[in-house]
Amino acid sequence: MTTLIKHTITGLAIAIIGLFALNTSAQDCHNFHKRKCFGSDNPAMRPNTQSKSGMFVLGHTSDLVFVAHSGQDYRISLCHEKKVEEPLKFKVIDGRSKEELFDNETAVLDIPTEGMEEGEEAGLPQFFEFSADVTKKIIIRITAPGPPPEEGGEGKKGKKNEPDPEDLFCVGVFIENMPTPKLGF
């Protein structure tokens, strides 16, 4: 074989291995919500097929849209890889009216603090439960901790808009639902 052919084959092999490695790291997040998110203790709650997982970078905000059907109770639970020390921030928004239904930054005040040591701070709740009285589009706006990524600038590696692999991590949104229990006689 000539040197040119050897270099071409070596280059192709390196490119294929690189693509495989990139694809493998992206697939690690594919079913992250199924493996790592903990849902409700209520045995009537069932996993919803609209649950998703995705790759985030520190400071990144992303929306997940799903349909909440009339007559159903829902629980939205978030989880992320342990290498991120701060909790995720998220809001639940009515897709039509754009009314904010829940914000875990303001809900932190509702968390009981008994059993916590003095000076210890309550974390942000990583779940939200609600009943859908009508079918509606729901937007879950998730913000990862940290400063927002710089737009249009050069990243740490000197490449445009390419995040540092050290800042990438998986986020899971686990949605569960059950029929709303009938109250009264």
Protein backbone atom coordinates (compact mmCIF):
# COMPACT_ATOMS: atom_id res chain seq x y z
CA MET A 1 0.00 0.00 0.00
CA THR A 2 1.11 3.47 -0.67
CA THR A 3 1.57 5.99 2.10
CA LEU A 4 -1.37 8.06 0.81
CA ILE A 5 -3.76 5.11 1.05
CA LYS A 6 -2.51 4.24 4.55
CA HIS A 7 -3.07 7.84 5.74
CA THR A 8 -6.53 7.91 4.13
CA ILE A 9 -7.56 4.65 5.82
CA THR A 10 -6.14 5.84 9.16
CA GLY A 11 -7.99 9.16 8.81
CA LEU A 12 -11.27 7.40 8.02
CA ALA A 13 -10.85 5.05 10.97
CA ILE A 14 -10.23 7.97 13.33
CA ALA A 15 -13.27 9.82 11.96
CA ILE A 16 -15.52 6.75 12.41
CA ILE A 17 -14.27 6.19 15.97
CA GLY A 18 -14.84 9.89 16.75
CA LEU A 19 -18.40 9.77 15.38
CA PHE A 20 -19.10 6.61 17.36
CA ALA A 21 -17.80 8.22 20.57
CA LEU A 22 -19.89 11.37 19.96
CA ASN A 23 -22.98 9.27 19.23
CA THR A 24 -22.43 7.16 22.36
CA SER A 25 -22.17 10.19 24.66
CA ALA A 26 -25.36 11.70 23.18
CA GLN A 27 -27.21 8.41 23.62
CA ASP A 28 -26.33 8.27 27.32
CA CYS A 29 -29.09 10.85 27.86
CA HIS A 30 -31.67 9.12 25.66
CA ASN A 31 -33.53 7.29 28.46
CA PHE A 32 -31.97 9.10 31.41
CA HIS A 33 -35.42 9.92 32.87
CA LYS A 34 -36.32 6.20 32.93
CA ARG A 35 -33.13 5.22 34.73
CA LYS A 36 -32.55 8.12 37.14
CA CYS A 37 -35.76 10.07 37.86
CA PHE A 38 -37.88 9.08 40.82
CA GLY A 39 -41.59 9.61 40.50
CA SER A 40 -44.57 9.54 42.79
CA ASP A 41 -45.08 7.04 45.60
CA ASN A 42 -48.71 6.76 44.47
CA PRO A 43 -49.13 3.36 42.76
CA ALA A 44 -51.95 4.78 40.56
CA MET A 45 -49.51 7.16 38.85
CA ARG A 46 -48.24 5.75 35.55
CA PRO A 47 -45.31 6.90 33.41
CA ASN A 48 -46.37 9.16 30.55
CA THR A 49 -44.88 8.65 27.09
CA GLN A 50 -44.25 12.41 26.80
CA SER A 51 -41.38 12.14 29.33
CA LYS A 52 -38.02 13.12 27.84
CA SER A 53 -34.30 13.42 28.51
CA GLY A 54 -31.77 15.72 26.96
CA MET A 55 -28.25 17.08 27.05
CA PHE A 56 -27.81 20.45 28.78
CA VAL A 57 -24.90 22.80 29.28
CA LEU A 58 -24.50 24.97 32.38
CA GLY A 59 -26.80 28.00 32.20
CA HIS A 60 -28.83 26.58 29.30
CA THR A 61 -32.64 27.05 29.16
CA SER A 62 -34.88 24.74 27.16
CA ASP A 63 -38.63 24.15 26.82
CA LEU A 64 -40.42 20.80 26.81
CA VAL A 65 -44.00 20.97 25.54
CA PHE A 66 -46.57 18.29 26.35
CA VAL A 67 -50.35 17.89 26.31
CA ALA A 68 -52.17 17.51 29.63
CA HIS A 69 -55.54 15.83 29.09
CA SER A 70 -58.75 16.75 30.88
CA GLY A 71 -59.62 14.60 33.90
CA GLN A 72 -56.03 13.58 34.63
CA ASP A 73 -53.70 14.31 37.55
CA TYR A 74 -50.06 14.90 36.57
CA ARG A 75 -46.71 14.87 38.32
CA ILE A 76 -43.65 16.39 36.65
CA SER A 77 -40.34 15.28 38.22
CA LEU A 78 -36.91 16.55 37.17
CA CYS A 79 -33.54 14.90 37.68
CA HIS A 80 -29.99 15.53 36.52
CA GLU A 81 -26.54 14.03 36.75
CA LYS A 82 -24.84 14.27 40.13
CA LYS A 83 -21.89 16.28 38.80
CA VAL A 84 -24.16 19.36 38.84
CA GLU A 85 -24.33 20.45 42.47
CA GLU A 86 -27.09 23.07 42.25
CA PRO A 87 -30.74 22.18 41.56
CA LEU A 88 -32.49 22.87 38.28
CA LYS A 89 -34.84 25.83 37.99
CA PHE A 90 -38.11 25.23 36.20
CA LYS A 91 -41.41 26.84 35.42
CA VAL A 92 -44.67 25.30 34.28
CA ILE A 93 -46.54 27.54 31.83
CA ASP A 94 -49.98 27.28 30.20
CA GLY A 95 -49.19 27.02 26.48
CA ARG A 96 -52.21 29.05 25.35
CA SER A 97 -52.54 31.85 27.90
CA LYS A 98 -48.81 31.90 28.78
CA GLU A 99 -49.89 32.06 32.45
CA GLU A 100 -47.20 30.81 34.82
CA LEU A 101 -48.69 27.89 36.76
CA PHE A 102 -45.61 27.07 38.84
CA ASP A 103 -42.10 28.39 39.48
CA ASN A 104 -39.88 26.29 41.72
CA GLU A 105 -37.84 29.36 42.74
CA THR A 106 -40.88 30.95 44.41
CA ALA A 107 -42.28 27.62 45.64
CA VAL A 108 -39.19 27.07 47.79
CA LEU A 109 -40.89 29.17 50.47
CA ASP A 110 -43.57 26.49 50.87
CA ILE A 111 -41.12 23.72 51.84
CA PRO A 112 -41.28 22.76 55.53
CA THR A 113 -37.95 23.36 57.24
CA GLU A 114 -38.42 21.16 60.30
CA GLY A 115 -35.62 18.68 60.75
CA MET A 116 -33.15 20.99 59.02
CA GLU A 117 -30.17 22.36 60.88
CA GLU A 118 -29.86 26.09 61.52
CA GLY A 119 -28.36 27.89 58.54
CA GLU A 120 -29.15 24.97 56.21
CA GLU A 121 -31.06 26.12 53.15
CA ALA A 122 -34.03 24.29 51.67
CA GLY A 123 -33.40 23.22 48.08
CA LEU A 124 -35.63 24.00 45.16
CA PRO A 125 -38.44 21.48 44.68
CA GLN A 126 -37.77 19.26 41.69
CA PHE A 127 -41.37 18.19 41.10
CA PHE A 128 -44.83 19.66 40.57
CA GLU A 129 -48.28 18.05 40.74
CA PHE A 130 -51.50 19.38 39.21
CA SER A 131 -54.92 18.35 37.91
CA ALA A 132 -55.98 19.19 34.37
CA ASP A 133 -59.60 20.36 34.25
CA VAL A 134 -59.39 20.90 30.47
CA THR A 135 -57.02 19.54 27.84
CA LYS A 136 -54.20 22.02 27.32
CA LYS A 137 -50.66 22.44 26.09
CA ILE A 138 -48.16 22.74 28.95
CA ILE A 139 -44.66 24.21 28.62
CA ILE A 140 -41.97 23.12 31.06
CA ARG A 141 -39.15 25.71 30.94
CA ILE A 142 -35.99 24.26 32.48
CA THR A 143 -32.89 26.30 33.30
CA ALA A 144 -29.66 24.56 34.27
CA PRO A 145 -27.59 26.17 37.05
CA GLY A 146 -24.71 28.41 36.17
CA PRO A 147 -24.14 31.44 33.98
CA PRO A 148 -25.85 31.43 30.56
CA PRO A 149 -23.60 30.28 27.71
CA GLU A 150 -21.98 33.10 25.75
CA GLU A 151 -23.69 33.67 22.42
CA GLY A 152 -21.66 34.22 19.29
CA GLY A 153 -18.36 34.16 21.14
CA GLU A 154 -15.63 31.61 21.20
CA GLY A 155 -15.87 28.76 23.70
CA LYS A 156 -13.14 27.50 25.99
CA LYS A 157 -11.68 25.40 23.21
CA GLY A 158 -11.51 28.37 20.81
CA LYS A 159 -14.34 27.02 18.63
CA LYS A 160 -17.50 29.03 18.01
CA ASN A 161 -20.61 28.06 20.03
CA GLU A 162 -19.15 24.71 21.05
CA PRO A 163 -19.63 23.96 24.76
CA ASP A 164 -16.88 22.51 26.87
CA PRO A 165 -17.61 18.76 27.26
CA GLU A 166 -16.99 19.20 31.00
CA ASP A 167 -20.09 21.47 31.17
CA LEU A 168 -22.42 18.94 29.48
CA PHE A 169 -24.80 16.83 31.56
CA CYS A 170 -28.09 14.93 31.25
CA VAL A 171 -31.47 16.24 32.41
CA GLY A 172 -34.55 14.06 32.67
CA VAL A 173 -38.20 15.17 32.80
CA PHE A 174 -40.34 12.32 34.10
CA ILE A 175 -44.07 12.91 33.59
CA GLU A 176 -46.63 10.68 35.29
CA ASN A 177 -50.40 10.74 35.18
CA MET A 178 -53.52 9.04 36.54
CA PRO A 179 -57.27 9.66 36.32
CA THR A 180 -58.36 12.42 38.72
CA PRO A 181 -60.11 10.71 41.66
CA LYS A 182 -63.80 11.49 41.98
CA LEU A 183 -64.57 13.30 45.23
CA GLY A 184 -67.85 13.23 47.12
CA PHE A 185 -70.86 10.96 46.70
